[in-house]
Amino acid sequence: MYCSRAPIPRTGLLYSKTDIHAIDGKTVNDQPTLNTAVIYGSARRHRAGIKAARFVMRKLAQRGHQATLIDPLEYPLPFLDLMYKEYEPGTAPGAMETIGRILDDADGFIIVSGEYNHSEPPVLKNLLDHYQSEYHYKPSGIVTYSAGPFGGVRALITLRAILAELGTPSIPSAFPISQVQNAFDDDGNALETAYERRITKFLDEFDWYAHALKQARCRQACAAVDPAVDDMPTQQALCRG
């Protein structure tokens, strides 16, 4: 594996048309495909927020992302006892192993969360807390929703602190959805055109951070095998081990 050491161009684009980077032996021209995990945070019956998660998945696919939905009903986890990293390799429960691979392969995360009592749903917090290094140096974007007019923004406040501590800081913009039960059809199509406009701006920002950090992680991986590349940050390694 090798990476170019060309600086990011100062043109407002992550890569210029002439920048070519090789990642894991594959030549990438312009912006590489992003692998994005959408983490949905409800396991309740009659849940309406799954329509918002499907909307996000559709929009990511339209932008060329390789997107995977992590649904706690499809991948149920136990209450937190041992973290994923505390199991011997290959011995974690099957759903936990699958989620671990999805998170590890991802370049970034979109969190889709309702608001329960001014905070995030318990099933979402339980899922997030099972993992650690899989999040590091990758951005997150936060989508919140509610049945009322405020779009779950109080859960947004707590999620920003949680995601930053996990090592996946959230992008500045957020995507709150009011009256989620009326905002999308069952397949995740927006019933209000405003959501089509807003998601474009939100994902434009997420893509920028995801591409930038993907390039930085590539350079860090090169540093591990190339002593000449010695300008990588070490704080995460020192603090998180």
Protein backbone atom coordinates (compact mmCIF):
# COMPACT_ATOMS: atom_id res chain seq x y z
CA MET A 1 0.00 0.00 0.00
CA TYR A 2 1.16 3.52 -0.71
CA CYS A 3 -0.35 7.00 -0.56
CA SER A 4 0.62 10.17 -2.31
CA ARG A 5 1.79 13.04 -0.18
CA ALA A 6 0.23 15.69 -2.38
CA PRO A 7 -1.38 18.42 -0.26
CA ILE A 8 -5.11 18.99 -0.41
CA PRO A 9 -5.65 21.67 -3.09
CA ARG A 10 -6.88 25.09 -2.02
CA THR A 11 -9.69 25.17 -4.53
CA GLY A 12 -12.69 24.35 -2.37
CA LEU A 13 -12.52 20.74 -3.61
CA LEU A 14 -11.04 17.89 -1.66
CA TYR A 15 -9.04 16.64 -4.64
CA SER A 16 -8.09 18.44 -7.83
CA LYS A 17 -8.60 16.72 -11.19
CA THR A 18 -4.91 15.88 -11.36
CA ASP A 19 -4.62 14.39 -7.88
CA ILE A 20 -4.30 10.62 -7.94
CA HIS A 21 -4.08 8.60 -4.75
CA ALA A 22 -3.57 4.87 -4.39
CA ILE A 23 -5.32 3.26 -1.46
CA ASP A 24 -4.79 -0.43 -0.75
CA GLY A 25 -3.39 -0.87 -4.25
CA LYS A 26 -6.34 0.79 -6.01
CA THR A 27 -5.83 4.00 -7.96
CA VAL A 28 -8.43 6.63 -7.12
CA ASN A 29 -8.99 9.71 -9.24
CA ASP A 30 -10.98 12.60 -7.79
CA GLN A 31 -13.11 11.62 -4.80
CA PRO A 32 -13.19 7.94 -3.78
CA THR A 33 -16.42 6.15 -2.99
CA LEU A 34 -17.53 6.59 0.60
CA ASN A 35 -18.69 3.72 2.78
CA THR A 36 -21.29 5.09 5.20
CA ALA A 37 -23.05 3.34 8.07
CA VAL A 38 -26.52 4.64 8.95
CA ILE A 39 -27.20 3.85 12.61
CA TYR A 40 -30.90 3.88 13.42
CA GLY A 41 -31.87 4.22 17.06
CA SER A 42 -35.28 2.68 17.69
CA ALA A 43 -36.53 -0.85 18.31
CA ARG A 44 -40.10 0.11 19.23
CA ARG A 45 -43.19 -1.32 17.57
CA HIS A 46 -45.02 1.10 15.24
CA ARG A 47 -41.83 3.15 14.92
CA ALA A 48 -42.13 6.03 12.44
CA GLY A 49 -38.46 7.02 12.43
CA ILE A 50 -37.51 4.09 10.21
CA LYS A 51 -38.99 6.11 7.33
CA ALA A 52 -36.43 8.84 8.01
CA ALA A 53 -33.63 6.25 8.03
CA ARG A 54 -34.83 4.91 4.67
CA PHE A 55 -34.90 8.46 3.30
CA VAL A 56 -31.27 8.97 4.33
CA MET A 57 -30.30 5.62 2.81
CA ARG A 58 -31.95 6.55 -0.50
CA LYS A 59 -30.16 9.88 -0.64
CA LEU A 60 -26.77 8.35 0.18
CA ALA A 61 -27.24 5.76 -2.57
CA GLN A 62 -28.12 8.51 -5.05
CA ARG A 63 -24.82 10.21 -4.20
CA GLY A 64 -22.85 7.02 -4.87
CA HIS A 65 -22.23 5.99 -1.27
CA GLN A 66 -21.93 2.37 -0.28
CA ALA A 67 -24.47 2.69 2.54
CA THR A 68 -25.44 0.10 5.16
CA LEU A 69 -28.33 0.43 7.59
CA ILE A 70 -27.73 -0.76 11.14
CA ASP A 71 -31.20 -1.46 12.52
CA PRO A 72 -31.34 -2.66 16.15
CA LEU A 73 -34.30 -4.89 15.28
CA GLU A 74 -32.19 -6.66 12.67
CA TYR A 75 -29.03 -6.72 14.80
CA PRO A 76 -30.18 -7.01 18.45
CA LEU A 77 -27.48 -6.55 21.08
CA PRO A 78 -27.54 -7.51 24.78
CA PHE A 79 -27.39 -4.88 27.47
CA LEU A 80 -23.79 -3.73 27.66
CA ASP A 81 -21.62 -6.13 29.64
CA LEU A 82 -18.52 -6.78 27.55
CA MET A 83 -17.58 -4.34 24.82
CA TYR A 84 -16.89 -5.81 21.39
CA LYS A 85 -13.14 -5.36 21.87
CA GLU A 86 -13.25 -7.36 25.13
CA TYR A 87 -14.32 -10.59 23.44
CA GLU A 88 -11.73 -13.00 22.14
CA PRO A 89 -11.60 -12.81 18.32
CA GLY A 90 -14.54 -14.66 16.80
CA THR A 91 -16.39 -15.19 20.08
CA ALA A 92 -18.68 -12.13 20.19
CA PRO A 93 -22.39 -12.64 19.48
CA GLY A 94 -23.15 -12.80 15.78
CA ALA A 95 -25.02 -9.48 15.59
CA MET A 96 -22.19 -7.75 17.45
CA GLU A 97 -19.59 -9.18 15.05
CA THR A 98 -21.61 -8.01 12.05
CA ILE A 99 -22.03 -4.48 13.39
CA GLY A 100 -18.33 -4.36 14.28
CA ARG A 101 -17.36 -5.17 10.69
CA ILE A 102 -19.79 -2.58 9.30
CA LEU A 103 -18.46 0.14 11.61
CA ASP A 104 -14.83 -0.76 10.98
CA ASP A 105 -15.30 -0.62 7.20
CA ALA A 106 -17.22 2.67 7.29
CA ASP A 107 -15.74 6.07 6.41
CA GLY A 108 -18.38 7.87 8.45
CA PHE A 109 -21.69 7.51 10.25
CA ILE A 110 -25.15 9.01 10.03
CA ILE A 111 -27.04 8.68 13.31
CA VAL A 112 -30.85 8.68 13.00
CA SER A 113 -32.34 9.26 16.44
CA GLY A 114 -35.63 10.08 18.06
CA GLU A 115 -35.85 12.00 21.33
CA TYR A 116 -36.84 10.24 24.53
CA ASN A 117 -37.11 12.43 27.64
CA HIS A 118 -34.72 15.10 26.29
CA SER A 119 -32.13 12.48 25.29
CA GLU A 120 -31.30 9.73 22.82
CA PRO A 121 -33.16 6.37 22.87
CA PRO A 122 -31.64 3.75 25.19
CA VAL A 123 -31.25 1.18 22.40
CA LEU A 124 -29.11 3.67 20.45
CA LYS A 125 -26.85 4.46 23.41
CA ASN A 126 -26.44 0.75 24.13
CA LEU A 127 -25.45 0.06 20.51
CA LEU A 128 -22.97 2.94 20.34
CA ASP A 129 -21.29 2.01 23.63
CA HIS A 130 -20.40 -1.52 22.52
CA TYR A 131 -17.71 -0.17 20.17
CA GLN A 132 -14.73 2.19 20.34
CA SER A 133 -11.81 2.10 17.90
CA GLU A 134 -14.18 1.45 14.97
CA TYR A 135 -15.26 5.11 15.21
CA HIS A 136 -11.89 6.82 15.40
CA TYR A 137 -10.95 9.55 12.92
CA LYS A 138 -14.31 9.29 11.13
CA PRO A 139 -17.03 11.97 11.02
CA SER A 140 -20.65 11.60 11.99
CA GLY A 141 -23.80 13.43 10.98
CA ILE A 142 -26.89 13.62 13.18
CA VAL A 143 -30.49 13.24 12.00
CA THR A 144 -33.09 13.69 14.73
CA TYR A 145 -36.85 13.44 14.58
CA SER A 146 -39.97 13.75 16.68
CA ALA A 147 -43.74 13.44 16.35
CA GLY A 148 -44.07 17.08 17.38
CA PRO A 149 -42.76 20.40 16.03
CA PHE A 150 -39.22 20.46 17.46
CA GLY A 151 -37.58 17.67 15.47
CA GLY A 152 -35.80 15.95 18.36
CA VAL A 153 -33.21 18.69 18.78
CA ARG A 154 -32.75 18.05 22.50
CA ALA A 155 -31.41 14.58 21.69
CA LEU A 156 -29.04 16.30 19.25
CA ILE A 157 -27.36 18.12 22.14
CA THR A 158 -26.49 14.96 24.04
CA LEU A 159 -25.50 13.06 20.90
CA ARG A 160 -22.86 15.65 20.00
CA ALA A 161 -21.06 15.05 23.30
CA ILE A 162 -21.38 11.26 23.06
CA LEU A 163 -20.11 11.03 19.48
CA ALA A 164 -17.17 13.32 20.17
CA GLU A 165 -16.10 11.16 23.11
CA LEU A 166 -16.40 8.02 20.98
CA GLY A 167 -13.98 9.53 18.47
CA THR A 168 -16.45 10.36 15.69
CA PRO A 169 -17.13 14.11 16.07
CA SER A 170 -20.33 15.30 14.42
CA ILE A 171 -20.34 17.80 11.59
CA PRO A 172 -21.61 21.31 12.46
CA SER A 173 -24.89 20.97 10.54
CA ALA A 174 -27.73 18.73 11.70
CA PHE A 175 -30.93 17.46 10.12
CA PRO A 176 -33.94 17.70 12.45
CA ILE A 177 -37.28 16.34 11.22
CA SER A 178 -40.57 17.52 12.69
CA GLN A 179 -43.73 15.37 12.62
CA VAL A 180 -41.79 12.48 11.16
CA GLN A 181 -44.95 10.42 10.77
CA ASN A 182 -46.11 12.86 8.09
CA ALA A 183 -42.76 13.69 6.47
CA PHE A 184 -42.08 10.50 4.44
CA ASP A 185 -43.89 7.55 2.95
CA ASP A 186 -43.09 4.01 4.05
CA ASP A 187 -40.35 3.68 1.41
CA GLY A 188 -38.53 6.79 2.58
CA ASN A 189 -39.70 9.23 -0.08
CA ALA A 190 -40.07 12.81 1.16
CA LEU A 191 -43.62 14.14 1.16
CA GLU A 192 -42.36 17.70 1.68
CA THR A 193 -39.96 19.19 -0.88
CA ALA A 194 -38.11 21.14 1.81
CA TYR A 195 -36.50 17.91 3.03
CA GLU A 196 -35.08 17.26 -0.45
CA ARG A 197 -33.34 20.65 -0.41
CA ARG A 198 -32.13 20.39 3.17
CA ILE A 199 -30.68 16.89 2.87
CA THR A 200 -28.53 18.00 -0.06
CA LYS A 201 -26.81 20.70 2.00
CA PHE A 202 -26.47 18.39 5.00
CA LEU A 203 -24.89 15.56 3.00
CA ASP A 204 -22.66 17.95 1.04
CA GLU A 205 -21.09 18.94 4.35
CA PHE A 206 -20.89 15.35 5.60
CA ASP A 207 -19.20 14.26 2.35
CA TRP A 208 -16.54 16.97 2.69
CA TYR A 209 -15.56 15.84 6.18
CA ALA A 210 -15.73 12.16 5.24
CA HIS A 211 -13.45 12.61 2.21
CA ALA A 212 -10.99 14.78 4.15
CA LEU A 213 -10.67 12.32 7.01
CA LYS A 214 -10.48 9.37 4.63
CA GLN A 215 -7.43 10.94 3.03
CA ALA A 216 -5.93 11.68 6.44
CA ARG A 217 -6.43 8.08 7.58
CA CYS A 218 -4.73 6.89 4.41
CA ARG A 219 -1.71 9.06 5.18
CA GLN A 220 -1.66 7.78 8.77
CA ALA A 221 -1.71 4.19 7.53
CA CYS A 222 1.28 5.02 5.35
CA ALA A 223 3.07 6.46 8.37
CA ALA A 224 2.86 3.07 10.02
CA VAL A 225 5.00 1.53 7.25
CA ASP A 226 7.00 4.56 6.08
CA PRO A 227 9.28 6.18 8.70
CA ALA A 228 9.58 9.25 6.44
CA VAL A 229 5.92 10.08 7.03
CA ASP A 230 6.13 11.33 10.58
CA ASP A 231 3.66 14.22 10.71
CA MET A 232 0.60 12.32 11.93
CA PRO A 233 -1.20 13.24 15.20
CA THR A 234 -0.61 10.84 18.08
CA GLN A 235 -3.05 12.04 20.72
CA GLN A 236 -5.65 9.39 19.98
CA ALA A 237 -3.06 6.64 20.21
CA LEU A 238 -1.74 8.02 23.50
CA CYS A 239 -5.12 8.59 25.10
CA ARG A 240 -7.17 5.67 23.80
CA GLY A 241 -4.54 3.01 23.27
